[in-house]
Amino acid sequence: MTGGFSGDTAAVNPIAEIFDFAGQVTGQPPTRVEIQLAVRAVCVHAAESWQHGMFCANCHVRFPCRLHRWGCRVLAAAGWSEETVAAVCADFRRTGCPPWELPPTESGTA
């Protein structure tokens, strides 16, 4: 699969395949745990602008790093749009509240 990224901005590939943690195609939809890890990966491994270009804010390699790409693939396979991913990351940067630590159910009960 070719990367879904162009230039300095990350774009989720609309034809996403489902990968496991090792990068192998599984054919199964991502689990809730994988989606939580993917959200964490794309939020923590965000782009940061430096004078020499865009770098990962966490691991300091050229953006997008391996974990950011993996997270985008998992979220695309789960049906998340680029806009949804961007909104979750923007909310994380704005509030500092990690979206991967939300209650396990939408009703807020454990």
Protein backbone atom coordinates (compact mmCIF):
# COMPACT_ATOMS: atom_id res chain seq x y z
CA MET A 1 0.00 0.00 0.00
CA THR A 2 1.35 3.41 -0.85
CA GLY A 3 1.33 6.12 1.78
CA GLY A 4 -1.67 8.36 2.01
CA PHE A 5 0.48 11.39 2.74
CA SER A 6 1.45 14.24 0.48
CA GLY A 7 3.73 17.13 1.28
CA ASP A 8 3.70 18.34 4.86
CA THR A 9 0.09 17.46 5.60
CA ALA A 10 -1.17 14.04 6.60
CA ALA A 11 -4.03 12.63 4.55
CA VAL A 12 -5.78 9.43 5.47
CA ASN A 13 -5.77 7.06 2.51
CA PRO A 14 -9.44 6.56 1.54
CA ILE A 15 -8.78 2.97 0.44
CA ALA A 16 -7.40 1.69 3.72
CA GLU A 17 -6.51 -1.88 4.48
CA ILE A 18 -6.69 -3.23 8.01
CA PHE A 19 -3.29 -3.84 9.59
CA ASP A 20 -2.21 -5.41 12.85
CA PHE A 21 0.50 -3.94 15.07
CA ALA A 22 3.25 -5.53 12.95
CA GLY A 23 1.87 -3.98 9.76
CA GLN A 24 0.37 -7.18 8.36
CA VAL A 25 -3.00 -7.07 6.61
CA THR A 26 -5.57 -8.85 8.81
CA GLY A 27 -8.85 -8.30 6.98
CA GLN A 28 -10.61 -7.83 10.34
CA PRO A 29 -12.02 -4.48 11.51
CA PRO A 30 -9.96 -2.73 14.20
CA THR A 31 -10.87 -3.51 17.79
CA ARG A 32 -11.80 -0.83 20.34
CA VAL A 33 -8.33 -1.17 21.90
CA GLU A 34 -6.62 -0.73 18.53
CA ILE A 35 -8.74 2.36 17.84
CA GLN A 36 -7.80 3.83 21.25
CA LEU A 37 -4.12 3.18 20.54
CA ALA A 38 -4.46 4.68 17.06
CA VAL A 39 -6.05 7.85 18.46
CA ARG A 40 -3.19 8.12 20.93
CA ALA A 41 -0.63 7.57 18.16
CA VAL A 42 -1.99 10.29 15.86
CA CYS A 43 -2.41 12.79 18.72
CA VAL A 44 0.97 12.24 20.37
CA HIS A 45 2.92 11.79 17.13
CA ALA A 46 1.68 15.05 15.60
CA ALA A 47 3.53 17.28 13.15
CA GLU A 48 5.78 19.98 14.52
CA SER A 49 7.30 22.65 12.30
CA TRP A 50 11.04 23.19 12.54
CA GLN A 51 13.31 25.28 10.35
CA HIS A 52 14.36 22.12 8.49
CA GLY A 53 10.81 20.91 7.87
CA MET A 54 8.07 18.96 9.59
CA PHE A 55 9.07 16.51 12.33
CA CYS A 56 7.20 14.26 14.77
CA ALA A 57 6.64 16.07 18.07
CA ASN A 58 7.29 12.84 19.99
CA CYS A 59 10.00 10.79 18.27
CA HIS A 60 11.61 13.70 16.34
CA VAL A 61 11.87 11.92 12.98
CA ARG A 62 10.54 13.31 9.71
CA PHE A 63 6.77 13.62 9.79
CA PRO A 64 4.78 11.48 9.39
CA CYS A 65 6.53 8.94 11.57
CA ARG A 66 5.76 5.23 11.55
CA LEU A 67 3.31 5.36 14.48
CA HIS A 68 1.40 8.32 13.04
CA ARG A 69 1.02 6.48 9.72
CA TRP A 70 -0.13 3.32 11.52
CA GLY A 71 -2.68 5.28 13.55
CA CYS A 72 -4.07 6.94 10.42
CA ARG A 73 -4.41 3.56 8.68
CA VAL A 74 -6.25 2.02 11.64
CA LEU A 75 -8.62 4.98 12.01
CA ALA A 76 -9.32 5.03 8.26
CA ALA A 77 -10.07 1.30 8.40
CA ALA A 78 -12.45 2.00 11.31
CA GLY A 79 -14.31 4.52 9.16
CA TRP A 80 -12.94 7.74 10.66
CA SER A 81 -12.72 10.69 8.27
CA GLU A 82 -9.74 13.04 8.07
CA GLU A 83 -11.92 15.76 9.57
CA THR A 84 -12.81 13.59 12.58
CA VAL A 85 -9.16 12.71 13.22
CA ALA A 86 -8.15 16.38 12.90
CA ALA A 87 -10.94 17.46 15.28
CA VAL A 88 -9.94 14.90 17.93
CA CYS A 89 -6.28 15.97 17.72
CA ALA A 90 -7.19 19.68 17.82
CA ASP A 91 -9.39 19.10 20.87
CA PHE A 92 -6.53 17.25 22.57
CA ARG A 93 -4.12 20.14 21.86
CA ARG A 94 -6.69 22.71 23.03
CA THR A 95 -7.83 21.02 26.26
CA GLY A 96 -4.94 18.73 27.15
CA CYS A 97 -7.52 16.02 27.90
CA PRO A 98 -6.31 12.76 26.33
CA PRO A 99 -9.14 11.26 24.24
CA TRP A 100 -7.82 7.73 24.84
CA GLU A 101 -8.61 8.03 28.58
CA LEU A 102 -12.35 8.59 28.12
CA PRO A 103 -14.84 6.25 29.81
CA PRO A 104 -15.22 2.91 27.98
CA THR A 105 -18.86 3.52 27.03
CA GLU A 106 -20.56 6.51 25.50
CA SER A 107 -23.01 6.74 28.41
CA GLY A 108 -20.08 7.39 30.73
CA THR A 109 -20.61 4.30 32.85
CA ALA A 110 -17.85 1.79 33.37
